[in-house]
């Protein structure tokens, strides 16, 4: 029984001494004291009267924060030009637009012809309109973000379509 108590007390003593950290100090080349738990040549062991408790420090200020600047997009209709007259007997009109700063992933565009949306939202700024009647027409292009929210609207662009007919070729 005594042997068991002796072994237990040795184990407890070993655990207690192992949990007590060893601290060493030395002076650096600038004469500042440096403390470490790893000994170095010329360092001296520091005896501790009570356990060291180092408070935690908020280091989040050291981490650079990624700023999410809200991009201000602009969308414009490149073709047909504003007030341009097109001569196309089939009534086909090709519309192209431009998005700045960059047309990136997740963005979609939709075209409005004479106040009515043409087709579904799409990921490119080229549209082919078929069987457009002759006369004056207004185009507006809308830009949407990945959540479907409208983020930009072009200025209205007017174009004129001339189509030959049987009476007036």
C-alpha atoms as a PDB file:
ATOM      1  CA  UNK A   1       0.000   0.000   0.000  1.00  0.00           C
ATOM      2  CA  UNK A   2       2.894   2.306   0.825  1.00  0.00           C
ATOM      3  CA  UNK A   3       4.417   1.617  -2.545  1.00  0.00           C
ATOM      4  CA  UNK A   4       1.217   2.647  -4.304  1.00  0.00           C
ATOM      5  CA  UNK A   5       1.100   5.893  -2.314  1.00  0.00           C
ATOM      6  CA  UNK A   6       4.742   6.567  -3.106  1.00  0.00           C
ATOM      7  CA  UNK A   7       4.230   5.973  -6.830  1.00  0.00           C
ATOM      8  CA  UNK A   8       1.110   8.203  -6.830  1.00  0.00           C
ATOM      9  CA  UNK A   9       2.933  11.013  -5.025  1.00  0.00           C
ATOM     10  CA  UNK A  10       5.855  10.797  -7.491  1.00  0.00           C
ATOM     11  CA  UNK A  11       3.464  10.980 -10.418  1.00  0.00           C
ATOM     12  CA  UNK A  12       1.670  13.988  -8.915  1.00  0.00           C
ATOM     13  CA  UNK A  13       4.960  15.745  -8.225  1.00  0.00           C
ATOM     14  CA  UNK A  14       6.118  15.125 -11.783  1.00  0.00           C
ATOM     15  CA  UNK A  15       2.821  16.442 -13.223  1.00  0.00           C
ATOM     16  CA  UNK A  16       2.936  19.559 -11.035  1.00  0.00           C
ATOM     17  CA  UNK A  17       6.490  20.366 -12.047  1.00  0.00           C
ATOM     18  CA  UNK A  18       5.763  19.645 -15.708  1.00  0.00           C
ATOM     19  CA  UNK A  19       2.828  22.074 -15.692  1.00  0.00           C
ATOM     20  CA  UNK A  20       5.026  24.858 -14.299  1.00  0.00           C
ATOM     21  CA  UNK A  21       6.550  26.580 -17.355  1.00  0.00           C
ATOM     22  CA  UNK A  22      10.225  27.357 -17.518  1.00  0.00           C
ATOM     23  CA  UNK A  23      11.086  30.928 -18.444  1.00  0.00           C
ATOM     24  CA  UNK A  24      14.476  32.170 -19.626  1.00  0.00           C
ATOM     25  CA  UNK A  25      15.706  35.718 -20.216  1.00  0.00           C
ATOM     26  CA  UNK A  26      18.575  37.430 -22.008  1.00  0.00           C
ATOM     27  CA  UNK A  27      19.413  40.815 -23.453  1.00  0.00           C
ATOM     28  CA  UNK A  28      19.299  41.322 -27.207  1.00  0.00           C
ATOM     29  CA  UNK A  29      21.772  43.381 -29.252  1.00  0.00           C
ATOM     30  CA  UNK A  30      19.875  46.587 -28.371  1.00  0.00           C
ATOM     31  CA  UNK A  31      19.988  45.918 -24.633  1.00  0.00           C
ATOM     32  CA  UNK A  32      16.310  44.928 -24.355  1.00  0.00           C
ATOM     33  CA  UNK A  33      15.262  42.020 -22.177  1.00  0.00           C
ATOM     34  CA  UNK A  34      13.866  39.062 -24.094  1.00  0.00           C
ATOM     35  CA  UNK A  35      11.806  36.382 -22.324  1.00  0.00           C
ATOM     36  CA  UNK A  36      11.166  32.928 -23.776  1.00  0.00           C
ATOM     37  CA  UNK A  37      10.285  29.378 -22.793  1.00  0.00           C
ATOM     38  CA  UNK A  38      13.150  28.139 -24.993  1.00  0.00           C
ATOM     39  CA  UNK A  39      16.634  28.474 -23.516  1.00  0.00           C
ATOM     40  CA  UNK A  40      19.340  30.141 -25.527  1.00  0.00           C
ATOM     41  CA  UNK A  41      23.104  30.402 -25.059  1.00  0.00           C
ATOM     42  CA  UNK A  42      23.775  33.046 -22.434  1.00  0.00           C
ATOM     43  CA  UNK A  43      20.215  33.026 -21.082  1.00  0.00           C
ATOM     44  CA  UNK A  44      19.388  32.668 -17.411  1.00  0.00           C
ATOM     45  CA  UNK A  45      16.481  30.803 -15.885  1.00  0.00           C
ATOM     46  CA  UNK A  46      13.857  33.006 -14.238  1.00  0.00           C
ATOM     47  CA  UNK A  47      12.273  31.602 -11.097  1.00  0.00           C
ATOM     48  CA  UNK A  48       8.542  32.223 -10.874  1.00  0.00           C
ATOM     49  CA  UNK A  49       6.846  32.797  -7.537  1.00  0.00           C
ATOM     50  CA  UNK A  50       3.382  32.256  -8.997  1.00  0.00           C
ATOM     51  CA  UNK A  51       2.036  30.996 -12.332  1.00  0.00           C
ATOM     52  CA  UNK A  52       2.098  33.408 -15.234  1.00  0.00           C
ATOM     53  CA  UNK A  53      -1.259  34.439 -16.650  1.00  0.00           C
ATOM     54  CA  UNK A  54      -1.070  36.453 -19.838  1.00  0.00           C
ATOM     55  CA  UNK A  55      -4.294  38.188 -20.843  1.00  0.00           C
ATOM     56  CA  UNK A  56      -5.493  37.743 -24.379  1.00  0.00           C
ATOM     57  CA  UNK A  57      -5.076  40.662 -26.716  1.00  0.00           C
ATOM     58  CA  UNK A  58      -7.379  41.656 -29.544  1.00  0.00           C
ATOM     59  CA  UNK A  59      -5.230  41.333 -32.651  1.00  0.00           C
ATOM     60  CA  UNK A  60      -8.019  41.929 -35.164  1.00  0.00           C
ATOM     61  CA  UNK A  61      -6.574  45.368 -35.933  1.00  0.00           C
ATOM     62  CA  UNK A  62      -3.544  43.604 -37.414  1.00  0.00           C
ATOM     63  CA  UNK A  63      -5.645  41.730 -39.965  1.00  0.00           C
ATOM     64  CA  UNK A  64      -6.313  43.814 -43.065  1.00  0.00           C
ATOM     65  CA  UNK A  65     -10.016  44.149 -43.674  1.00  0.00           C
ATOM     66  CA  UNK A  66     -11.347  43.639 -47.131  1.00  0.00           C
ATOM     67  CA  UNK A  67     -13.433  46.632 -47.971  1.00  0.00           C
ATOM     68  CA  UNK A  68     -16.533  45.808 -49.931  1.00  0.00           C
ATOM     69  CA  UNK A  69     -16.962  48.980 -51.865  1.00  0.00           C
ATOM     70  CA  UNK A  70     -20.270  49.034 -53.645  1.00  0.00           C
ATOM     71  CA  UNK A  71     -19.464  49.287 -57.312  1.00  0.00           C
ATOM     72  CA  UNK A  72     -21.415  51.873 -59.213  1.00  0.00           C
ATOM     73  CA  UNK A  73     -22.283  50.264 -62.512  1.00  0.00           C
ATOM     74  CA  UNK A  74     -23.226  52.118 -65.639  1.00  0.00           C
ATOM     75  CA  UNK A  75     -24.975  50.619 -68.616  1.00  0.00           C
ATOM     76  CA  UNK A  76     -25.441  52.225 -71.997  1.00  0.00           C
ATOM     77  CA  UNK A  77     -26.721  51.287 -75.403  1.00  0.00           C
ATOM     78  CA  UNK A  78     -23.912  51.341 -77.968  1.00  0.00           C
ATOM     79  CA  UNK A  79     -25.828  50.384 -81.064  1.00  0.00           C
ATOM     80  CA  UNK A  80     -28.021  51.555 -82.640  1.00  0.00           C
ATOM     81  CA  UNK A  81     -26.854  55.076 -81.886  1.00  0.00           C
ATOM     82  CA  UNK A  82     -29.249  57.612 -80.383  1.00  0.00           C
ATOM     83  CA  UNK A  83     -31.433  59.192 -83.104  1.00  0.00           C
ATOM     84  CA  UNK A  84     -30.016  56.763 -85.699  1.00  0.00           C
ATOM     85  CA  UNK A  85     -32.094  55.740 -88.695  1.00  0.00           C
ATOM     86  CA  UNK A  86     -31.922  52.075 -89.717  1.00  0.00           C
ATOM     87  CA  UNK A  87     -33.033  50.714 -93.058  1.00  0.00           C
ATOM     88  CA  UNK A  88     -33.924  47.047 -92.647  1.00  0.00           C
ATOM     89  CA  UNK A  89     -36.787  45.505 -94.595  1.00  0.00           C
ATOM     90  CA  UNK A  90     -36.915  42.354 -92.438  1.00  0.00           C
ATOM     91  CA  UNK A  91     -37.443  44.402 -89.264  1.00  0.00           C
ATOM     92  CA  UNK A  92     -34.403  42.874 -87.588  1.00  0.00           C
ATOM     93  CA  UNK A  93     -32.552  45.221 -85.247  1.00  0.00           C
ATOM     94  CA  UNK A  94     -29.340  44.284 -83.468  1.00  0.00           C
ATOM     95  CA  UNK A  95     -28.833  46.061 -80.150  1.00  0.00           C
ATOM     96  CA  UNK A  96     -25.555  46.076 -78.255  1.00  0.00           C
ATOM     97  CA  UNK A  97     -24.789  47.560 -74.892  1.00  0.00           C
ATOM     98  CA  UNK A  98     -21.854  48.263 -72.658  1.00  0.00           C
ATOM     99  CA  UNK A  99     -21.468  47.784 -68.891  1.00  0.00           C
ATOM    100  CA  UNK A 100     -18.786  49.574 -66.898  1.00  0.00           C
ATOM    101  CA  UNK A 101     -16.647  49.019 -64.928  1.00  0.00           C
ATOM    102  CA  UNK A 102     -16.756  45.328 -65.997  1.00  0.00           C
ATOM    103  CA  UNK A 103     -19.551  42.951 -66.865  1.00  0.00           C
ATOM    104  CA  UNK A 104     -18.770  40.385 -64.182  1.00  0.00           C
ATOM    105  CA  UNK A 105     -20.167  37.015 -63.121  1.00  0.00           C
ATOM    106  CA  UNK A 106     -23.649  37.166 -61.641  1.00  0.00           C
ATOM    107  CA  UNK A 107     -24.771  40.234 -63.561  1.00  0.00           C
ATOM    108  CA  UNK A 108     -27.608  40.056 -66.090  1.00  0.00           C
ATOM    109  CA  UNK A 109     -29.167  42.523 -68.510  1.00  0.00           C
ATOM    110  CA  UNK A 110     -32.619  42.949 -69.980  1.00  0.00           C
ATOM    111  CA  UNK A 111     -33.808  45.158 -72.805  1.00  0.00           C
ATOM    112  CA  UNK A 112     -36.949  47.237 -73.035  1.00  0.00           C
ATOM    113  CA  UNK A 113     -38.384  48.188 -76.425  1.00  0.00           C
ATOM    114  CA  UNK A 114     -41.041  50.898 -76.359  1.00  0.00           C
ATOM    115  CA  UNK A 115     -41.652  50.342 -72.641  1.00  0.00           C
ATOM    116  CA  UNK A 116     -42.042  46.545 -72.870  1.00  0.00           C
ATOM    117  CA  UNK A 117     -39.402  44.048 -71.708  1.00  0.00           C
ATOM    118  CA  UNK A 118     -37.968  41.971 -74.538  1.00  0.00           C
ATOM    119  CA  UNK A 119     -37.143  38.377 -73.584  1.00  0.00           C
ATOM    120  CA  UNK A 120     -35.593  37.116 -70.377  1.00  0.00           C
ATOM    121  CA  UNK A 121     -32.586  38.457 -68.504  1.00  0.00           C
ATOM    122  CA  UNK A 122     -29.332  37.356 -70.109  1.00  0.00           C
ATOM    123  CA  UNK A 123     -25.616  37.383 -69.406  1.00  0.00           C
ATOM    124  CA  UNK A 124     -24.480  39.307 -72.492  1.00  0.00           C
ATOM    125  CA  UNK A 125     -25.311  42.723 -73.869  1.00  0.00           C
ATOM    126  CA  UNK A 126     -26.198  41.742 -77.439  1.00  0.00           C
ATOM    127  CA  UNK A 127     -29.837  41.446 -78.478  1.00  0.00           C
ATOM    128  CA  UNK A 128     -31.487  40.562 -81.803  1.00  0.00           C
ATOM    129  CA  UNK A 129     -34.959  42.044 -82.177  1.00  0.00           C
ATOM    130  CA  UNK A 130     -37.123  40.504 -84.911  1.00  0.00           C
ATOM    131  CA  UNK A 131     -40.106  41.918 -86.828  1.00  0.00           C
ATOM    132  CA  UNK A 132     -39.798  45.413 -85.412  1.00  0.00           C
ATOM    133  CA  UNK A 133     -42.382  47.704 -87.025  1.00  0.00           C
ATOM    134  CA  UNK A 134     -41.196  50.712 -88.952  1.00  0.00           C
ATOM    135  CA  UNK A 135     -41.202  54.016 -87.181  1.00  0.00           C
ATOM    136  CA  UNK A 136     -39.758  55.543 -84.022  1.00  0.00           C
ATOM    137  CA  UNK A 137     -38.698  53.245 -81.148  1.00  0.00           C
ATOM    138  CA  UNK A 138     -37.186  53.719 -77.681  1.00  0.00           C
ATOM    139  CA  UNK A 139     -34.696  51.350 -76.066  1.00  0.00           C
ATOM    140  CA  UNK A 140     -33.676  51.076 -72.401  1.00  0.00           C
ATOM    141  CA  UNK A 141     -31.247  48.504 -71.006  1.00  0.00           C
ATOM    142  CA  UNK A 142     -31.428  47.363 -67.370  1.00  0.00           C
ATOM    143  CA  UNK A 143     -28.586  45.806 -65.367  1.00  0.00           C
ATOM    144  CA  UNK A 144     -29.334  43.400 -62.487  1.00  0.00           C
ATOM    145  CA  UNK A 145     -27.056  41.979 -59.788  1.00  0.00           C
ATOM    146  CA  UNK A 146     -26.827  38.314 -58.748  1.00  0.00           C
ATOM    147  CA  UNK A 147     -29.852  38.748 -56.457  1.00  0.00           C
ATOM    148  CA  UNK A 148     -32.042  40.135 -59.234  1.00  0.00           C
ATOM    149  CA  UNK A 149     -31.968  43.716 -57.950  1.00  0.00           C
ATOM    150  CA  UNK A 150     -31.717  46.440 -60.584  1.00  0.00           C
ATOM    151  CA  UNK A 151     -28.372  48.209 -60.179  1.00  0.00           C
ATOM    152  CA  UNK A 152     -28.238  50.377 -63.293  1.00  0.00           C
ATOM    153  CA  UNK A 153     -30.455  51.697 -66.076  1.00  0.00           C
ATOM    154  CA  UNK A 154     -29.320  53.140 -69.380  1.00  0.00           C
ATOM    155  CA  UNK A 155     -30.581  56.415 -70.717  1.00  0.00           C
ATOM    156  CA  UNK A 156     -33.350  56.073 -73.258  1.00  0.00           C
ATOM    157  CA  UNK A 157     -32.066  55.697 -76.779  1.00  0.00           C
ATOM    158  CA  UNK A 158     -34.328  56.457 -79.746  1.00  0.00           C
ATOM    159  CA  UNK A 159     -33.902  54.953 -83.184  1.00  0.00           C
ATOM    160  CA  UNK A 160     -35.952  55.085 -86.380  1.00  0.00           C
ATOM    161  CA  UNK A 161     -36.618  52.030 -88.521  1.00  0.00           C
ATOM    162  CA  UNK A 162     -37.415  52.430 -92.209  1.00  0.00           C
ATOM    163  CA  UNK A 163     -38.904  49.435 -93.982  1.00  0.00           C
ATOM    164  CA  UNK A 164     -39.875  49.501 -97.619  1.00  0.00           C
ATOM    165  CA  UNK A 165     -43.470  48.525 -98.304  1.00  0.00           C
ATOM    166  CA  UNK A 166     -45.331  47.631-101.512  1.00  0.00           C
ATOM    167  CA  UNK A 167     -46.904  51.046-101.807  1.00  0.00           C
ATOM    168  CA  UNK A 168     -43.684  53.012-101.169  1.00  0.00           C
ATOM    169  CA  UNK A 169     -40.682  50.818-102.167  1.00  0.00           C
END
